[in-house]
Amino acid sequence: MATNLVPQVMNALEATNFYFKRAVKLLGLDSKVERSLLIPFREIKVECTIPKDDGTLASYIGFRVQHDNSRGQMKGGIRYHPEVELNEVNALAQLMTWKSAVANIPYGGAKGGIGCNPRDLSPTELERLTRVFTQKIHDVIGPHLDIPAPDMGTNAQTMAWILDEYSKFHGYTPAVVTGKPVDLGGSLGREAATGRGVLYATEALLKDHNLSIRGQTFVVQGFGNVGSWASKLIHEKGGKIKAVSDVTGAIKNNSGIDITALNEHVRMTGGVKGFEGANPLDAAALLAEDCDVLIPAALGGVING
């Protein structure tokens, strides 16, 4: 069998390492550099036990992987999701290193997360969990070490809790996180930034084919921060969003979904399910929906054989 074929089944870390090794050969990197970049600078795994609102105790596992700091302090998001595990976090931390380097931004790569379903936790439970996690890792993060950010299942409020808890140990330090509320020193436009990046990348792709956003049809998997902002911005540019999905379900309208109305529905109900401006759709069939551009804005690894 040819050695450059992609194995049929790989976890996130195996896939990232596979493509890294291909890049190493293309770049002609020294084998010692290759080995050092395959091994993360630091892996942290912590137990986070919190009292639930009903008085019971619940334990969760938190991770922070710091991949490389050769180019500057490490940087990367913290995600809350039931499928968070060490291999995935390792892969995402490594990818943060490459993203910063390719864009020539003076940061290293890191990533973190807690294996939990944030939809099953109350706001007070999420706060307790975030603060306990911060207590366990506060001595290895900071403005000059490793700077967390929002990711799947986390947001500006999560960053505010991290900032506050970290400041108990180190004094008021707003630079410990990005993606925090503007009132606490956050950046204007940060909330929309990743979704706007999707818009820019899509515009660049379409330009290569002498096309523009206007008049194209789009299907978006995932309607969290990235998917909802990407949909809103594409909708404003004249693109037709014909189907979207999130953890609650999937919806479809061949004439185009009113994204402004959908965002209001999601704000009121917590998900796209039940939106009156579209018909229900089998979420498993969403990726096969006919469209000009498919945007997977949920978990990785969804496009397979």
C-alpha atoms as a PDB file:
ATOM      1  CA  MET A   1       0.000   0.000   0.000  1.00  0.00           C
ATOM      2  CA  ALA A   2       1.268   3.487  -0.828  1.00  0.00           C
ATOM      3  CA  THR A   3       2.524   5.275   2.266  1.00  0.00           C
ATOM      4  CA  ASN A   4       0.898   8.614   1.399  1.00  0.00           C
ATOM      5  CA  LEU A   5      -2.651   7.283   1.520  1.00  0.00           C
ATOM      6  CA  VAL A   6      -4.790   8.570   4.389  1.00  0.00           C
ATOM      7  CA  PRO A   7      -5.853   5.800   6.803  1.00  0.00           C
ATOM      8  CA  GLN A   8      -9.603   5.235   6.821  1.00  0.00           C
ATOM      9  CA  VAL A   9     -10.102   5.823  10.546  1.00  0.00           C
ATOM     10  CA  MET A  10      -8.028   8.310  12.545  1.00  0.00           C
ATOM     11  CA  ASN A  11      -8.714  10.234  15.696  1.00  0.00           C
ATOM     12  CA  ALA A  12      -8.128  13.996  15.678  1.00  0.00           C
ATOM     13  CA  LEU A  13      -4.524  13.768  16.903  1.00  0.00           C
ATOM     14  CA  GLU A  14      -3.589  11.003  14.454  1.00  0.00           C
ATOM     15  CA  ALA A  15      -5.027  13.037  11.581  1.00  0.00           C
ATOM     16  CA  THR A  16      -3.179  16.205  12.635  1.00  0.00           C
ATOM     17  CA  ASN A  17       0.109  14.299  13.034  1.00  0.00           C
ATOM     18  CA  PHE A  18      -0.403  12.596   9.660  1.00  0.00           C
ATOM     19  CA  TYR A  19      -0.653  15.911   7.812  1.00  0.00           C
ATOM     20  CA  PHE A  20       2.125  17.469   9.897  1.00  0.00           C
ATOM     21  CA  LYS A  21       4.497  14.680   8.848  1.00  0.00           C
ATOM     22  CA  ARG A  22       3.555  15.240   5.200  1.00  0.00           C
ATOM     23  CA  ALA A  23       4.298  18.958   5.635  1.00  0.00           C
ATOM     24  CA  VAL A  24       7.646  18.126   7.271  1.00  0.00           C
ATOM     25  CA  LYS A  25       8.701  16.157   4.180  1.00  0.00           C
ATOM     26  CA  LEU A  26       7.597  18.926   1.817  1.00  0.00           C
ATOM     27  CA  LEU A  27       9.496  21.543   3.848  1.00  0.00           C
ATOM     28  CA  GLY A  28      12.539  19.353   4.415  1.00  0.00           C
ATOM     29  CA  LEU A  29      12.545  19.958   8.172  1.00  0.00           C
ATOM     30  CA  ASP A  30      15.178  18.351  10.381  1.00  0.00           C
ATOM     31  CA  SER A  31      14.040  15.169  12.142  1.00  0.00           C
ATOM     32  CA  LYS A  32      14.915  16.640  15.561  1.00  0.00           C
ATOM     33  CA  VAL A  33      12.603  19.591  14.883  1.00  0.00           C
ATOM     34  CA  GLU A  34       9.875  17.180  13.775  1.00  0.00           C
ATOM     35  CA  ARG A  35      10.113  15.158  16.993  1.00  0.00           C
ATOM     36  CA  SER A  36      10.094  18.250  19.198  1.00  0.00           C
ATOM     37  CA  LEU A  37       7.001  19.640  17.470  1.00  0.00           C
ATOM     38  CA  LEU A  38       5.073  16.381  17.752  1.00  0.00           C
ATOM     39  CA  ILE A  39       5.400  16.407  21.551  1.00  0.00           C
ATOM     40  CA  PRO A  40       3.472  19.164  23.386  1.00  0.00           C
ATOM     41  CA  PHE A  41       5.247  21.507  25.790  1.00  0.00           C
ATOM     42  CA  ARG A  42       2.802  20.606  28.585  1.00  0.00           C
ATOM     43  CA  GLU A  43      -0.350  18.518  29.089  1.00  0.00           C
ATOM     44  CA  ILE A  44      -2.633  19.220  32.037  1.00  0.00           C
ATOM     45  CA  LYS A  45      -5.521  17.006  33.156  1.00  0.00           C
ATOM     46  CA  VAL A  46      -7.512  18.034  36.213  1.00  0.00           C
ATOM     47  CA  GLU A  47     -10.562  16.857  38.143  1.00  0.00           C
ATOM     48  CA  CYS A  48     -13.248  19.499  38.624  1.00  0.00           C
ATOM     49  CA  THR A  49     -15.818  18.577  41.280  1.00  0.00           C
ATOM     50  CA  ILE A  50     -18.650  21.009  41.943  1.00  0.00           C
ATOM     51  CA  PRO A  51     -21.862  21.062  44.001  1.00  0.00           C
ATOM     52  CA  LYS A  52     -24.907  20.988  41.723  1.00  0.00           C
ATOM     53  CA  ASP A  53     -27.924  23.203  42.408  1.00  0.00           C
ATOM     54  CA  ASP A  54     -29.755  20.193  43.898  1.00  0.00           C
ATOM     55  CA  GLY A  55     -27.001  19.616  46.463  1.00  0.00           C
ATOM     56  CA  THR A  56     -25.372  16.610  44.778  1.00  0.00           C
ATOM     57  CA  LEU A  57     -21.735  16.552  43.684  1.00  0.00           C
ATOM     58  CA  ALA A  58     -20.657  16.174  40.071  1.00  0.00           C
ATOM     59  CA  SER A  59     -17.142  15.585  38.734  1.00  0.00           C
ATOM     60  CA  TYR A  60     -15.795  16.587  35.340  1.00  0.00           C
ATOM     61  CA  ILE A  61     -12.407  16.252  33.682  1.00  0.00           C
ATOM     62  CA  GLY A  62     -10.699  19.392  32.413  1.00  0.00           C
ATOM     63  CA  PHE A  63      -7.746  19.636  30.028  1.00  0.00           C
ATOM     64  CA  ARG A  64      -5.239  22.255  28.942  1.00  0.00           C
ATOM     65  CA  VAL A  65      -2.611  21.320  26.377  1.00  0.00           C
ATOM     66  CA  GLN A  66       0.175  23.812  25.716  1.00  0.00           C
ATOM     67  CA  HIS A  67       1.803  22.758  22.473  1.00  0.00           C
ATOM     68  CA  ASP A  68       4.607  25.210  21.700  1.00  0.00           C
ATOM     69  CA  ASN A  69       5.855  28.616  22.867  1.00  0.00           C
ATOM     70  CA  SER A  70       8.793  29.123  20.496  1.00  0.00           C
ATOM     71  CA  ARG A  71       7.128  32.085  18.762  1.00  0.00           C
ATOM     72  CA  GLY A  72       5.534  33.681  21.811  1.00  0.00           C
ATOM     73  CA  GLN A  73       3.079  33.032  24.610  1.00  0.00           C
ATOM     74  CA  MET A  74       0.627  30.227  23.899  1.00  0.00           C
ATOM     75  CA  LYS A  75      -2.932  30.998  22.837  1.00  0.00           C
ATOM     76  CA  GLY A  76      -6.087  28.975  22.276  1.00  0.00           C
ATOM     77  CA  GLY A  77      -9.703  28.428  23.169  1.00  0.00           C
ATOM     78  CA  ILE A  78     -11.478  26.520  25.919  1.00  0.00           C
ATOM     79  CA  ARG A  79     -14.425  24.387  24.831  1.00  0.00           C
ATOM     80  CA  TYR A  80     -17.197  22.777  26.886  1.00  0.00           C
ATOM     81  CA  HIS A  81     -18.547  19.692  25.129  1.00  0.00           C
ATOM     82  CA  PRO A  82     -19.319  16.066  26.075  1.00  0.00           C
ATOM     83  CA  GLU A  83     -16.759  14.757  23.545  1.00  0.00           C
ATOM     84  CA  VAL A  84     -13.808  16.781  24.845  1.00  0.00           C
ATOM     85  CA  GLU A  85     -10.896  14.397  25.454  1.00  0.00           C
ATOM     86  CA  LEU A  86      -7.095  14.572  25.484  1.00  0.00           C
ATOM     87  CA  ASN A  87      -6.427  13.521  21.868  1.00  0.00           C
ATOM     88  CA  GLU A  88      -8.813  16.143  20.505  1.00  0.00           C
ATOM     89  CA  VAL A  89      -7.400  18.905  22.715  1.00  0.00           C
ATOM     90  CA  ASN A  90      -3.856  17.895  21.746  1.00  0.00           C
ATOM     91  CA  ALA A  91      -4.710  18.117  18.055  1.00  0.00           C
ATOM     92  CA  LEU A  92      -6.403  21.501  18.413  1.00  0.00           C
ATOM     93  CA  ALA A  93      -3.464  22.889  20.410  1.00  0.00           C
ATOM     94  CA  GLN A  94      -1.074  21.777  17.683  1.00  0.00           C
ATOM     95  CA  LEU A  95      -3.271  23.368  15.010  1.00  0.00           C
ATOM     96  CA  MET A  96      -3.220  26.645  16.953  1.00  0.00           C
ATOM     97  CA  THR A  97       0.588  26.628  16.692  1.00  0.00           C
ATOM     98  CA  TRP A  98       0.416  26.178  12.915  1.00  0.00           C
ATOM     99  CA  LYS A  99      -2.334  28.771  12.455  1.00  0.00           C
ATOM    100  CA  SER A 100      -0.393  31.435  14.339  1.00  0.00           C
ATOM    101  CA  ALA A 101       2.807  30.615  12.444  1.00  0.00           C
ATOM    102  CA  VAL A 102       1.175  30.591   8.993  1.00  0.00           C
ATOM    103  CA  ALA A 103      -0.500  33.950   9.714  1.00  0.00           C
ATOM    104  CA  ASN A 104       2.799  35.253  11.167  1.00  0.00           C
ATOM    105  CA  ILE A 105       1.205  36.140  14.503  1.00  0.00           C
ATOM    106  CA  PRO A 106       3.716  35.973  17.410  1.00  0.00           C
ATOM    107  CA  TYR A 107       1.902  33.368  19.497  1.00  0.00           C
ATOM    108  CA  GLY A 108       2.312  29.704  20.252  1.00  0.00           C
ATOM    109  CA  GLY A 109      -0.500  27.174  20.342  1.00  0.00           C
ATOM    110  CA  ALA A 110      -2.660  25.853  23.174  1.00  0.00           C
ATOM    111  CA  LYS A 111      -6.170  24.509  23.682  1.00  0.00           C
ATOM    112  CA  GLY A 112      -8.342  23.437  26.572  1.00  0.00           C
ATOM    113  CA  GLY A 113     -11.722  22.111  27.509  1.00  0.00           C
ATOM    114  CA  ILE A 114     -13.972  20.329  29.950  1.00  0.00           C
ATOM    115  CA  GLY A 115     -15.904  17.168  29.137  1.00  0.00           C
ATOM    116  CA  CYS A 116     -19.418  18.367  29.941  1.00  0.00           C
ATOM    117  CA  ASN A 117     -22.672  19.320  28.263  1.00  0.00           C
ATOM    118  CA  PRO A 118     -23.175  23.027  29.040  1.00  0.00           C
ATOM    119  CA  ARG A 119     -26.851  22.772  28.057  1.00  0.00           C
ATOM    120  CA  ASP A 120     -27.378  20.431  31.015  1.00  0.00           C
ATOM    121  CA  LEU A 121     -25.860  22.875  33.511  1.00  0.00           C
ATOM    122  CA  SER A 122     -27.448  25.973  35.025  1.00  0.00           C
ATOM    123  CA  PRO A 123     -25.627  29.318  34.823  1.00  0.00           C
ATOM    124  CA  THR A 124     -24.562  28.995  38.467  1.00  0.00           C
ATOM    125  CA  GLU A 125     -23.269  25.456  37.866  1.00  0.00           C
ATOM    126  CA  LEU A 126     -21.310  26.634  34.821  1.00  0.00           C
ATOM    127  CA  GLU A 127     -19.812  29.420  36.896  1.00  0.00           C
ATOM    128  CA  ARG A 128     -18.742  27.013  39.653  1.00  0.00           C
ATOM    129  CA  LEU A 129     -17.226  24.637  37.090  1.00  0.00           C
ATOM    130  CA  THR A 130     -15.325  27.429  35.336  1.00  0.00           C
ATOM    131  CA  ARG A 131     -13.971  28.803  38.591  1.00  0.00           C
ATOM    132  CA  VAL A 132     -12.826  25.378  39.830  1.00  0.00           C
ATOM    133  CA  PHE A 133     -11.120  24.715  36.493  1.00  0.00           C
ATOM    134  CA  THR A 134      -9.379  28.100  36.707  1.00  0.00           C
ATOM    135  CA  GLN A 135      -8.214  27.324  40.261  1.00  0.00           C
ATOM    136  CA  LYS A 136      -6.573  24.137  38.969  1.00  0.00           C
ATOM    137  CA  ILE A 137      -4.697  25.790  36.065  1.00  0.00           C
ATOM    138  CA  HIS A 138      -4.162  29.412  37.191  1.00  0.00           C
ATOM    139  CA  ASP A 139      -0.428  28.915  37.810  1.00  0.00           C
ATOM    140  CA  VAL A 140       0.257  27.832  34.206  1.00  0.00           C
ATOM    141  CA  ILE A 141      -1.819  30.443  32.335  1.00  0.00           C
ATOM    142  CA  GLY A 142      -1.366  34.198  32.132  1.00  0.00           C
ATOM    143  CA  PRO A 143      -0.692  37.111  29.757  1.00  0.00           C
ATOM    144  CA  HIS A 144       2.931  36.013  29.232  1.00  0.00           C
ATOM    145  CA  LEU A 145       2.374  32.236  29.407  1.00  0.00           C
ATOM    146  CA  ASP A 146      -0.891  31.025  27.904  1.00  0.00           C
ATOM    147  CA  ILE A 147      -4.000  33.038  27.068  1.00  0.00           C
ATOM    148  CA  PRO A 148      -7.366  31.207  26.916  1.00  0.00           C
ATOM    149  CA  ALA A 149     -10.252  32.300  24.684  1.00  0.00           C
ATOM    150  CA  PRO A 150     -13.868  31.259  24.006  1.00  0.00           C
ATOM    151  CA  ASP A 151     -14.576  28.188  21.899  1.00  0.00           C
ATOM    152  CA  MET A 152     -17.443  25.750  21.437  1.00  0.00           C
ATOM    153  CA  GLY A 153     -19.795  25.906  24.423  1.00  0.00           C
ATOM    154  CA  THR A 154     -18.074  28.909  26.015  1.00  0.00           C
ATOM    155  CA  ASN A 155     -18.491  32.654  25.564  1.00  0.00           C
ATOM    156  CA  ALA A 156     -17.645  36.101  26.921  1.00  0.00           C
ATOM    157  CA  GLN A 157     -19.296  35.263  30.255  1.00  0.00           C
ATOM    158  CA  THR A 158     -17.052  32.208  30.654  1.00  0.00           C
ATOM    159  CA  MET A 159     -14.002  34.401  30.038  1.00  0.00           C
ATOM    160  CA  ALA A 160     -15.253  36.916  32.622  1.00  0.00           C
ATOM    161  CA  TRP A 161     -15.415  34.139  35.240  1.00  0.00           C
ATOM    162  CA  ILE A 162     -11.877  33.002  34.352  1.00  0.00           C
ATOM    163  CA  LEU A 163     -10.605  36.583  34.551  1.00  0.00           C
ATOM    164  CA  ASP A 164     -12.231  37.120  37.946  1.00  0.00           C
ATOM    165  CA  GLU A 165     -11.005  33.825  39.430  1.00  0.00           C
ATOM    166  CA  TYR A 166      -7.476  34.256  38.055  1.00  0.00           C
ATOM    167  CA  SER A 167      -7.358  37.775  39.497  1.00  0.00           C
ATOM    168  CA  LYS A 168      -7.986  36.384  42.996  1.00  0.00           C
ATOM    169  CA  PHE A 169      -4.548  34.753  42.796  1.00  0.00           C
ATOM    170  CA  HIS A 170      -2.606  37.248  40.654  1.00  0.00           C
ATOM    171  CA  GLY A 171      -4.324  40.619  41.021  1.00  0.00           C
ATOM    172  CA  TYR A 172      -6.583  42.196  38.418  1.00  0.00           C
ATOM    173  CA  THR A 173      -5.313  40.859  35.082  1.00  0.00           C
ATOM    174  CA  PRO A 174      -7.717  41.453  32.199  1.00  0.00           C
ATOM    175  CA  ALA A 175      -5.104  40.289  29.659  1.00  0.00           C
ATOM    176  CA  VAL A 176      -5.307  36.694  30.945  1.00  0.00           C
ATOM    177  CA  VAL A 177      -8.107  35.958  28.428  1.00  0.00           C
ATOM    178  CA  THR A 178      -9.401  37.255  25.130  1.00  0.00           C
ATOM    179  CA  GLY A 179     -13.043  37.195  24.119  1.00  0.00           C
ATOM    180  CA  LYS A 180     -14.117  38.785  27.407  1.00  0.00           C
ATOM    181  CA  PRO A 181     -16.934  41.362  27.609  1.00  0.00           C
ATOM    182  CA  VAL A 182     -16.079  44.786  26.201  1.00  0.00           C
ATOM    183  CA  ASP A 183     -16.827  46.330  29.610  1.00  0.00           C
ATOM    184  CA  LEU A 184     -13.961  44.252  31.058  1.00  0.00           C
ATOM    185  CA  GLY A 185     -11.486  45.241  28.358  1.00  0.00           C
ATOM    186  CA  GLY A 186     -12.625  42.998  25.537  1.00  0.00           C
ATOM    187  CA  SER A 187     -12.343  43.886  21.853  1.00  0.00           C
ATOM    188  CA  LEU A 188     -15.173  45.311  19.772  1.00  0.00           C
ATOM    189  CA  GLY A 189     -16.022  42.857  17.011  1.00  0.00           C
ATOM    190  CA  ARG A 190     -14.563  39.832  18.794  1.00  0.00           C
ATOM    191  CA  GLU A 191     -17.896  38.023  19.063  1.00  0.00           C
ATOM    192  CA  ALA A 192     -18.413  38.135  15.300  1.00  0.00           C
ATOM    193  CA  ALA A 193     -14.752  37.669  14.335  1.00  0.00           C
ATOM    194  CA  THR A 194     -14.675  33.919  13.640  1.00  0.00           C
ATOM    195  CA  GLY A 195     -17.907  33.991  11.662  1.00  0.00           C
ATOM    196  CA  ARG A 196     -16.617  36.996   9.742  1.00  0.00           C
ATOM    197  CA  GLY A 197     -13.505  34.974   8.963  1.00  0.00           C
ATOM    198  CA  VAL A 198     -15.761  32.322   7.423  1.00  0.00           C
ATOM    199  CA  LEU A 199     -17.344  35.043   5.266  1.00  0.00           C
ATOM    200  CA  TYR A 200     -13.933  36.309   4.094  1.00  0.00           C
ATOM    201  CA  ALA A 201     -12.704  32.785   3.312  1.00  0.00           C
ATOM    202  CA  THR A 202     -15.897  32.024   1.395  1.00  0.00           C
ATOM    203  CA  GLU A 203     -15.601  35.265  -0.580  1.00  0.00           C
ATOM    204  CA  ALA A 204     -12.005  34.379  -1.478  1.00  0.00           C
ATOM    205  CA  LEU A 205     -13.016  30.871  -2.585  1.00  0.00           C
ATOM    206  CA  LEU A 206     -15.884  32.136  -4.730  1.00  0.00           C
ATOM    207  CA  LYS A 207     -13.685  34.848  -6.258  1.00  0.00           C
ATOM    208  CA  ASP A 208     -11.402  32.116  -7.615  1.00  0.00           C
ATOM    209  CA  HIS A 209     -14.446  30.879  -9.563  1.00  0.00           C
ATOM    210  CA  ASN A 210     -15.509  34.374 -10.651  1.00  0.00           C
ATOM    211  CA  LEU A 211     -18.493  34.247  -8.287  1.00  0.00           C
ATOM    212  CA  SER A 212     -19.711  36.287  -5.331  1.00  0.00           C
ATOM    213  CA  ILE A 213     -21.800  35.603  -2.221  1.00  0.00           C
ATOM    214  CA  ARG A 214     -24.935  37.078  -3.781  1.00  0.00           C
ATOM    215  CA  GLY A 215     -27.079  34.462  -5.464  1.00  0.00           C
ATOM    216  CA  GLN A 216     -25.283  31.422  -4.037  1.00  0.00           C
ATOM    217  CA  THR A 217     -27.049  28.862  -1.829  1.00  0.00           C
ATOM    218  CA  PHE A 218     -25.580  27.863   1.536  1.00  0.00           C
ATOM    219  CA  VAL A 219     -26.072  25.070   4.055  1.00  0.00           C
ATOM    220  CA  VAL A 220     -24.673  25.668   7.559  1.00  0.00           C
ATOM    221  CA  GLN A 221     -24.076  22.876  10.064  1.00  0.00           C
ATOM    222  CA  GLY A 222     -23.861  24.419  13.511  1.00  0.00           C
ATOM    223  CA  PHE A 223     -25.664  27.580  14.604  1.00  0.00           C
ATOM    224  CA  GLY A 224     -23.578  28.559  17.597  1.00  0.00           C
ATOM    225  CA  ASN A 225     -21.347  31.619  17.644  1.00  0.00           C
ATOM    226  CA  VAL A 226     -19.522  30.819  14.384  1.00  0.00           C
ATOM    227  CA  GLY A 227     -22.444  29.440  12.373  1.00  0.00           C
ATOM    228  CA  SER A 228     -24.936  32.114  13.409  1.00  0.00           C
ATOM    229  CA  TRP A 229     -22.588  35.018  12.652  1.00  0.00           C
ATOM    230  CA  ALA A 230     -21.446  33.478   9.365  1.00  0.00           C
ATOM    231  CA  SER A 231     -25.094  32.983   8.366  1.00  0.00           C
ATOM    232  CA  LYS A 232     -26.031  36.551   9.355  1.00  0.00           C
ATOM    233  CA  LEU A 233     -23.141  38.101   7.410  1.00  0.00           C
ATOM    234  CA  ILE A 234     -23.689  35.891   4.345  1.00  0.00           C
ATOM    235  CA  HIS A 235     -27.424  36.695   4.455  1.00  0.00           C
ATOM    236  CA  GLU A 236     -26.606  40.436   4.544  1.00  0.00           C
ATOM    237  CA  LYS A 237     -24.368  39.987   1.490  1.00  0.00           C
ATOM    238  CA  GLY A 238     -27.214  38.451  -0.518  1.00  0.00           C
ATOM    239  CA  GLY A 239     -26.465  34.770   0.001  1.00  0.00           C
ATOM    240  CA  LYS A 240     -29.377  32.357   0.417  1.00  0.00           C
ATOM    241  CA  ILE A 241     -29.150  30.205   3.564  1.00  0.00           C
ATOM    242  CA  LYS A 242     -31.418  27.267   2.736  1.00  0.00           C
ATOM    243  CA  ALA A 243     -30.706  24.915   5.657  1.00  0.00           C
ATOM    244  CA  VAL A 244     -29.122  25.102   9.116  1.00  0.00           C
ATOM    245  CA  SER A 245     -28.765  22.800  12.102  1.00  0.00           C
ATOM    246  CA  ASP A 246     -27.688  22.832  15.724  1.00  0.00           C
ATOM    247  CA  VAL A 247     -27.911  20.429  18.671  1.00  0.00           C
ATOM    248  CA  THR A 248     -31.712  20.829  18.806  1.00  0.00           C
ATOM    249  CA  GLY A 249     -32.359  19.812  15.178  1.00  0.00           C
ATOM    250  CA  ALA A 250     -32.236  20.971  11.571  1.00  0.00           C
ATOM    251  CA  ILE A 251     -34.460  23.169   9.401  1.00  0.00           C
ATOM    252  CA  LYS A 252     -34.778  23.902   5.689  1.00  0.00           C
ATOM    253  CA  ASN A 253     -36.400  26.482   3.424  1.00  0.00           C
ATOM    254  CA  ASN A 254     -35.500  26.291  -0.274  1.00  0.00           C
ATOM    255  CA  SER A 255     -36.571  29.909  -0.707  1.00  0.00           C
ATOM    256  CA  GLY A 256     -34.059  31.019   1.912  1.00  0.00           C
ATOM    257  CA  ILE A 257     -34.241  31.306   5.695  1.00  0.00           C
ATOM    258  CA  ASP A 258     -34.797  34.721   7.300  1.00  0.00           C
ATOM    259  CA  ILE A 259     -31.659  34.719   9.458  1.00  0.00           C
ATOM    260  CA  THR A 260     -32.700  37.783  11.486  1.00  0.00           C
ATOM    261  CA  ALA A 261     -35.932  36.058  12.488  1.00  0.00           C
ATOM    262  CA  LEU A 262     -34.097  32.780  13.141  1.00  0.00           C
ATOM    263  CA  ASN A 263     -31.591  34.499  15.448  1.00  0.00           C
ATOM    264  CA  GLU A 264     -34.482  35.945  17.449  1.00  0.00           C
ATOM    265  CA  HIS A 265     -36.120  32.487  17.620  1.00  0.00           C
ATOM    266  CA  VAL A 266     -32.850  30.944  18.869  1.00  0.00           C
ATOM    267  CA  ARG A 267     -32.481  33.706  21.460  1.00  0.00           C
ATOM    268  CA  MET A 268     -35.985  32.973  22.770  1.00  0.00           C
ATOM    269  CA  THR A 269     -35.980  29.152  22.594  1.00  0.00           C
ATOM    270  CA  GLY A 270     -32.333  28.095  22.712  1.00  0.00           C
ATOM    271  CA  GLY A 271     -32.205  26.389  19.312  1.00  0.00           C
ATOM    272  CA  VAL A 272     -33.322  26.311  15.679  1.00  0.00           C
ATOM    273  CA  LYS A 273     -35.915  23.588  16.282  1.00  0.00           C
ATOM    274  CA  GLY A 274     -39.494  24.800  15.861  1.00  0.00           C
ATOM    275  CA  PHE A 275     -38.659  27.855  13.756  1.00  0.00           C
ATOM    276  CA  GLU A 276     -41.846  28.715  11.846  1.00  0.00           C
ATOM    277  CA  GLY A 277     -40.029  30.141   8.837  1.00  0.00           C
ATOM    278  CA  ALA A 278     -38.700  26.757   7.737  1.00  0.00           C
ATOM    279  CA  ASN A 279     -39.543  23.063   7.669  1.00  0.00           C
ATOM    280  CA  PRO A 280     -37.974  20.396   9.894  1.00  0.00           C
ATOM    281  CA  LEU A 281     -35.128  18.415   8.329  1.00  0.00           C
ATOM    282  CA  ASP A 282     -33.364  15.218   9.362  1.00  0.00           C
ATOM    283  CA  ALA A 283     -30.123  16.505  10.887  1.00  0.00           C
ATOM    284  CA  ALA A 284     -28.227  13.491   9.541  1.00  0.00           C
ATOM    285  CA  ALA A 285     -29.224  14.485   5.993  1.00  0.00           C
ATOM    286  CA  LEU A 286     -28.092  18.102   6.288  1.00  0.00           C
ATOM    287  CA  LEU A 287     -24.568  17.526   4.966  1.00  0.00           C
ATOM    288  CA  ALA A 288     -25.983  15.959   1.795  1.00  0.00           C
ATOM    289  CA  GLU A 289     -28.349  18.857   1.045  1.00  0.00           C
ATOM    290  CA  ASP A 290     -27.859  20.336  -2.422  1.00  0.00           C
ATOM    291  CA  CYS A 291     -26.119  23.745  -2.193  1.00  0.00           C
ATOM    292  CA  ASP A 292     -23.323  25.820  -3.679  1.00  0.00           C
ATOM    293  CA  VAL A 293     -21.409  26.148  -0.406  1.00  0.00           C
ATOM    294  CA  LEU A 294     -21.496  23.846   2.630  1.00  0.00           C
ATOM    295  CA  ILE A 295     -20.228  25.355   5.887  1.00  0.00           C
ATOM    296  CA  PRO A 296     -19.442  22.819   8.646  1.00  0.00           C
ATOM    297  CA  ALA A 297     -19.405  25.074  11.726  1.00  0.00           C
ATOM    298  CA  ALA A 298     -19.866  22.476  14.446  1.00  0.00           C
ATOM    299  CA  LEU A 299     -17.471  19.665  15.455  1.00  0.00           C
ATOM    300  CA  GLY A 300     -14.581  18.537  13.275  1.00  0.00           C
ATOM    301  CA  GLY A 301     -14.430  15.214  11.458  1.00  0.00           C
ATOM    302  CA  VAL A 302     -18.017  15.362  10.134  1.00  0.00           C
ATOM    303  CA  ILE A 303     -17.112  14.959   6.454  1.00  0.00           C
ATOM    304  CA  ASN A 304     -16.141  11.358   5.810  1.00  0.00           C
ATOM    305  CA  GLY A 305     -16.490   8.594   3.209  1.00  0.00           C
END
